[in-house]
């Protein structure tokens, strides 16, 4: 079971890594294994992500309110349906479909098989290199309000669904897809954050019912980790959006590849267990 100190550490790790393209679920899994702690499990990871997602809701509160209010009014006011905020509402819904379908279809594998550290390490490396390709090919031109459409939203959504595998990174996958589509870095990241809201909230709420039962962590440490992840995550959002507006993803790519190699090596030499 997860203790208070472990919960504090994992909350900090979740908050620091959720919005960076380095995979928060992989870091929660790797840090636990490195310190010899039990795998906190998919339920714990999903619930503490509610903390970082609350940070998104607060940070983008005006943007989110504009989208929700305009989309809702546009349901019965045709003149509003062409507004960017109204269209964005539909694009977030459409982009959330792939991860919802795949998450339910592969729920058992997500909670067991894909948490193998050998797979986590390989995903850190492979998807880090794919992010490098996307970053190199990025035109850095398109904006969400003018250019986002249904095919683009579904492409983002498919990329987000890959983050069901620890090591891929929700932020890295969706932002990388946006770069390949030609979007500006900060615009791709913003849509990545907005698109994550329904998926993370639904996943976290569903997994709330598992907390405190069976092998799942108790409520107290889980709540602590969630609160810590919120505070740290809010600061991480502000920094990351400022950083990528003028910088490439190179430091994150190098970090991913090195971490992936280290994880695979540690497992290969039986220093940490794979499962």
Protein backbone atom coordinates (compact mmCIF):
# COMPACT_ATOMS: atom_id res chain seq x y z
CA UNK A 1 0.00 0.00 0.00
CA UNK A 2 1.11 3.58 -0.66
CA UNK A 3 2.20 5.56 2.41
CA UNK A 4 2.07 9.30 2.97
CA UNK A 5 5.67 9.97 1.92
CA UNK A 6 5.26 7.93 -1.26
CA UNK A 7 2.04 9.79 -2.03
CA UNK A 8 3.80 13.14 -1.59
CA UNK A 9 6.66 12.15 -3.91
CA UNK A 10 4.35 10.70 -6.57
CA UNK A 11 2.15 13.79 -6.40
CA UNK A 12 5.16 15.99 -7.13
CA UNK A 13 6.24 13.68 -9.97
CA UNK A 14 2.75 13.72 -11.48
CA UNK A 15 2.50 17.50 -11.29
CA UNK A 16 5.94 18.06 -12.82
CA UNK A 17 5.55 15.62 -15.70
CA UNK A 18 1.87 15.67 -16.72
CA UNK A 19 2.20 18.64 -19.08
CA UNK A 20 5.72 18.02 -20.29
CA UNK A 21 6.14 15.63 -23.25
CA UNK A 22 7.87 12.99 -21.11
CA UNK A 23 4.91 10.86 -19.85
CA UNK A 24 3.67 11.34 -16.29
CA UNK A 25 2.33 7.78 -16.05
CA UNK A 26 5.76 6.43 -17.01
CA UNK A 27 7.44 8.56 -14.35
CA UNK A 28 5.00 7.49 -11.62
CA UNK A 29 5.66 3.89 -12.62
CA UNK A 30 9.47 4.27 -12.90
CA UNK A 31 9.93 6.28 -9.70
CA UNK A 32 7.93 3.70 -7.75
CA UNK A 33 10.04 0.87 -9.13
CA UNK A 34 13.33 2.74 -8.56
CA UNK A 35 12.60 3.27 -4.86
CA UNK A 36 11.36 -0.29 -4.45
CA UNK A 37 7.76 0.75 -3.90
CA UNK A 38 4.84 -1.28 -5.18
CA UNK A 39 3.35 -0.27 -8.52
CA UNK A 40 0.67 2.28 -7.48
CA UNK A 41 -1.54 0.97 -10.28
CA UNK A 42 -3.60 2.52 -13.04
CA UNK A 43 -6.39 3.52 -10.64
CA UNK A 44 -4.08 5.63 -8.44
CA UNK A 45 -2.48 7.22 -11.52
CA UNK A 46 -5.86 8.07 -13.04
CA UNK A 47 -7.17 9.62 -9.83
CA UNK A 48 -4.15 11.83 -9.08
CA UNK A 49 -4.39 13.10 -12.66
CA UNK A 50 -7.59 14.80 -11.49
CA UNK A 51 -5.30 17.15 -9.59
CA UNK A 52 -3.33 18.19 -12.64
CA UNK A 53 -6.51 18.39 -14.70
CA UNK A 54 -8.01 20.74 -12.12
CA UNK A 55 -4.95 22.93 -12.70
CA UNK A 56 -5.87 22.98 -16.41
CA UNK A 57 -9.46 23.95 -15.60
CA UNK A 58 -8.31 26.88 -13.48
CA UNK A 59 -5.47 28.02 -15.74
CA UNK A 60 -7.67 28.01 -18.86
CA UNK A 61 -10.88 28.93 -17.00
CA UNK A 62 -11.79 31.87 -19.26
CA UNK A 63 -11.08 29.92 -22.43
CA UNK A 64 -13.01 26.89 -21.16
CA UNK A 65 -15.97 28.99 -20.04
CA UNK A 66 -16.09 30.71 -23.44
CA UNK A 67 -16.09 27.32 -25.19
CA UNK A 68 -18.76 25.76 -22.95
CA UNK A 69 -21.07 28.78 -22.90
CA UNK A 70 -20.80 29.49 -26.63
CA UNK A 71 -21.18 25.81 -27.59
CA UNK A 72 -24.25 25.47 -25.34
CA UNK A 73 -25.96 28.60 -26.68
CA UNK A 74 -25.12 27.58 -30.25
CA UNK A 75 -27.25 24.45 -29.83
CA UNK A 76 -30.37 26.61 -30.22
CA UNK A 77 -28.88 29.78 -31.74
CA UNK A 78 -27.72 29.00 -35.32
CA UNK A 79 -25.91 32.33 -35.69
CA UNK A 80 -23.37 31.26 -33.06
CA UNK A 81 -22.45 27.95 -34.66
CA UNK A 82 -19.72 29.42 -36.84
CA UNK A 83 -17.87 30.99 -33.92
CA UNK A 84 -14.47 29.44 -33.07
CA UNK A 85 -15.52 28.70 -29.48
CA UNK A 86 -18.65 26.83 -30.62
CA UNK A 87 -16.68 24.79 -33.13
CA UNK A 88 -14.02 24.06 -30.52
CA UNK A 89 -16.66 22.49 -28.30
CA UNK A 90 -17.50 19.98 -31.02
CA UNK A 91 -13.84 19.36 -31.82
CA UNK A 92 -13.04 18.55 -28.18
CA UNK A 93 -15.96 16.11 -28.10
CA UNK A 94 -14.95 14.47 -31.39
CA UNK A 95 -11.28 14.30 -30.39
CA UNK A 96 -12.21 12.58 -27.13
CA UNK A 97 -13.98 9.66 -28.84
CA UNK A 98 -10.87 7.60 -29.77
CA UNK A 99 -9.42 7.47 -26.26
CA UNK A 100 -12.83 6.74 -24.76
CA UNK A 101 -13.44 3.80 -27.08
CA UNK A 102 -9.92 2.38 -26.84
CA UNK A 103 -9.70 2.97 -23.09
CA UNK A 104 -12.81 0.88 -22.47
CA UNK A 105 -11.87 -1.77 -25.03
CA UNK A 106 -8.40 -2.34 -23.59
CA UNK A 107 -9.03 -1.56 -19.91
CA UNK A 108 -7.57 -4.85 -18.64
CA UNK A 109 -4.37 -4.51 -20.69
CA UNK A 110 -3.95 -0.88 -19.62
CA UNK A 111 -4.04 -1.94 -15.97
CA UNK A 112 -1.66 -4.88 -16.42
CA UNK A 113 0.33 -5.68 -19.58
CA UNK A 114 1.30 -2.19 -20.76
CA UNK A 115 2.74 -1.28 -17.34
CA UNK A 116 5.73 -3.57 -17.99
CA UNK A 117 8.82 -1.38 -17.61
CA UNK A 118 10.47 -2.84 -20.70
CA UNK A 119 7.57 -1.54 -22.77
CA UNK A 120 7.62 1.76 -20.88
CA UNK A 121 11.32 2.24 -21.65
CA UNK A 122 10.85 1.36 -25.31
CA UNK A 123 7.95 3.82 -25.64
CA UNK A 124 9.99 6.59 -24.04
CA UNK A 125 12.67 6.11 -26.68
CA UNK A 126 10.54 5.46 -29.77
CA UNK A 127 8.00 8.21 -29.18
CA UNK A 128 10.75 10.58 -28.14
CA UNK A 129 12.36 10.06 -31.54
CA UNK A 130 8.98 10.50 -33.26
CA UNK A 131 8.55 13.80 -31.39
CA UNK A 132 12.00 14.82 -32.67
CA UNK A 133 10.84 14.17 -36.25
CA UNK A 134 7.62 16.14 -35.67
CA UNK A 135 9.56 19.02 -34.13
CA UNK A 136 11.99 19.08 -37.06
CA UNK A 137 9.23 19.04 -39.70
CA UNK A 138 6.97 21.54 -37.89
CA UNK A 139 5.83 24.49 -40.00
CA UNK A 140 4.70 26.33 -36.85
CA UNK A 141 2.04 28.30 -38.75
CA UNK A 142 -1.56 27.23 -38.07
CA UNK A 143 -3.79 28.46 -35.25
CA UNK A 144 -6.70 26.71 -33.56
CA UNK A 145 -9.38 29.34 -34.16
CA UNK A 146 -8.70 29.60 -37.88
CA UNK A 147 -7.56 26.15 -38.97
CA UNK A 148 -8.76 23.41 -36.60
CA UNK A 149 -11.27 21.11 -38.31
CA UNK A 150 -12.83 17.69 -37.75
CA UNK A 151 -10.09 15.60 -39.45
CA UNK A 152 -7.45 17.44 -37.42
CA UNK A 153 -9.45 16.95 -34.19
CA UNK A 154 -9.71 13.19 -34.83
CA UNK A 155 -5.98 13.02 -35.61
CA UNK A 156 -5.24 14.72 -32.30
CA UNK A 157 -7.64 12.29 -30.62
CA UNK A 158 -5.95 9.21 -32.06
CA UNK A 159 -2.58 10.56 -30.94
CA UNK A 160 -3.96 11.16 -27.45
CA UNK A 161 -5.23 7.57 -27.26
CA UNK A 162 -1.65 6.31 -27.57
CA UNK A 163 -1.01 7.83 -24.15
CA UNK A 164 -2.97 4.95 -22.65
CA UNK A 165 0.45 3.25 -22.81
CA UNK A 166 2.81 4.62 -20.14
CA UNK A 167 5.85 6.12 -21.82
CA UNK A 168 4.05 7.65 -24.79
CA UNK A 169 2.94 10.93 -23.13
CA UNK A 170 -0.44 12.57 -23.69
CA UNK A 171 1.19 15.98 -24.08
CA UNK A 172 3.95 14.65 -26.35
CA UNK A 173 1.62 12.58 -28.54
CA UNK A 174 -1.02 15.22 -29.13
CA UNK A 175 1.40 18.13 -29.41
CA UNK A 176 3.55 16.10 -31.82
CA UNK A 177 0.47 15.39 -33.95
CA UNK A 178 -0.29 19.10 -33.96
CA UNK A 179 3.23 19.93 -35.11
CA UNK A 180 2.96 17.44 -37.99
CA UNK A 181 -0.34 19.07 -38.97
CA UNK A 182 1.42 22.44 -39.09
CA UNK A 183 0.17 24.11 -35.89
CA UNK A 184 2.22 26.53 -33.84
CA UNK A 185 3.79 24.87 -30.80
CA UNK A 186 1.83 26.77 -28.17
CA UNK A 187 -1.42 26.26 -30.12
CA UNK A 188 -0.81 22.52 -30.40
CA UNK A 189 -0.10 22.35 -26.68
CA UNK A 190 -3.22 24.35 -25.79
CA UNK A 191 -5.49 22.00 -27.73
CA UNK A 192 -3.66 19.06 -26.14
CA UNK A 193 -4.56 20.42 -22.71
CA UNK A 194 -8.20 21.10 -23.68
CA UNK A 195 -8.59 17.69 -25.30
CA UNK A 196 -7.29 15.95 -22.18
CA UNK A 197 -10.03 17.38 -19.95
CA UNK A 198 -12.90 14.97 -20.83
CA UNK A 199 -10.62 11.91 -21.00
CA UNK A 200 -8.84 12.53 -17.70
CA UNK A 201 -12.00 13.55 -15.83
CA UNK A 202 -13.94 10.50 -17.01
CA UNK A 203 -11.06 8.13 -16.30
CA UNK A 204 -10.38 9.63 -12.89
CA UNK A 205 -14.02 9.61 -11.82
CA UNK A 206 -14.45 5.98 -12.90
CA UNK A 207 -11.34 4.92 -11.00
CA UNK A 208 -12.46 6.78 -7.85
CA UNK A 209 -14.64 3.79 -7.07
CA UNK A 210 -11.55 1.55 -6.94
CA UNK A 211 -9.67 3.61 -4.35
CA UNK A 212 -9.55 1.95 -0.94
CA UNK A 213 -10.67 -1.42 -2.30
CA UNK A 214 -8.54 -4.52 -2.80
CA UNK A 215 -4.95 -3.57 -3.63
CA UNK A 216 -5.74 0.04 -4.52
CA UNK A 217 -4.19 2.76 -2.29
CA UNK A 218 -6.19 4.25 0.59
CA UNK A 219 -8.08 7.51 0.30
CA UNK A 220 -5.79 9.60 2.50
CA UNK A 221 -2.53 9.20 0.54
CA UNK A 222 -4.45 9.41 -2.75
CA UNK A 223 -6.01 12.74 -1.79
CA UNK A 224 -2.62 14.10 -0.69
CA UNK A 225 -1.00 13.08 -3.99
CA UNK A 226 -3.88 14.67 -5.91
CA UNK A 227 -3.57 17.99 -4.07
CA UNK A 228 0.21 18.06 -4.53
CA UNK A 229 -0.13 17.27 -8.24
CA UNK A 230 -2.57 20.18 -8.62
CA UNK A 231 -0.24 22.76 -7.05
CA UNK A 232 2.88 21.60 -8.90
CA UNK A 233 0.95 21.07 -12.16
CA UNK A 234 -0.39 24.62 -12.22
CA UNK A 235 3.13 26.02 -12.11
CA UNK A 236 4.26 23.53 -14.76
CA UNK A 237 1.56 24.64 -17.22
CA UNK A 238 2.57 28.29 -17.01
CA UNK A 239 6.25 27.50 -17.50
CA UNK A 240 5.75 25.00 -20.34
CA UNK A 241 3.54 27.28 -22.46
CA UNK A 242 6.06 30.11 -22.15
CA UNK A 243 8.95 27.80 -22.96
CA UNK A 244 7.60 26.15 -26.12
CA UNK A 245 6.51 29.47 -27.62
CA UNK A 246 10.18 30.15 -28.40
CA UNK A 247 12.01 26.83 -27.97
CA UNK A 248 12.14 23.40 -29.59
CA UNK A 249 11.48 20.12 -27.77
CA UNK A 250 15.12 18.99 -27.97
CA UNK A 251 15.83 18.84 -24.17
CA UNK A 252 12.73 16.72 -23.58
CA UNK A 253 13.63 14.38 -26.46
CA UNK A 254 17.16 13.82 -25.15
CA UNK A 255 15.81 13.23 -21.65
CA UNK A 256 13.25 10.70 -22.90
CA UNK A 257 15.82 8.67 -24.82
CA UNK A 258 18.29 8.62 -21.92
CA UNK A 259 15.60 7.68 -19.41
CA UNK A 260 14.28 4.94 -21.69
CA UNK A 261 17.75 3.43 -22.06
CA UNK A 262 18.33 3.59 -18.29
CA UNK A 263 14.98 1.93 -17.52
CA UNK A 264 15.60 -0.93 -19.97
CA UNK A 265 19.14 -1.41 -18.63
CA UNK A 266 17.96 -1.47 -14.99
CA UNK A 267 15.40 -4.13 -15.84
CA UNK A 268 17.89 -6.13 -17.94
CA UNK A 269 20.35 -6.28 -15.03
CA UNK A 270 17.57 -7.16 -12.54
CA UNK A 271 18.09 -3.96 -10.58
CA UNK A 272 14.38 -3.16 -10.79
CA UNK A 273 11.56 -5.59 -11.68
CA UNK A 274 9.82 -5.27 -15.03
CA UNK A 275 6.35 -5.93 -13.67
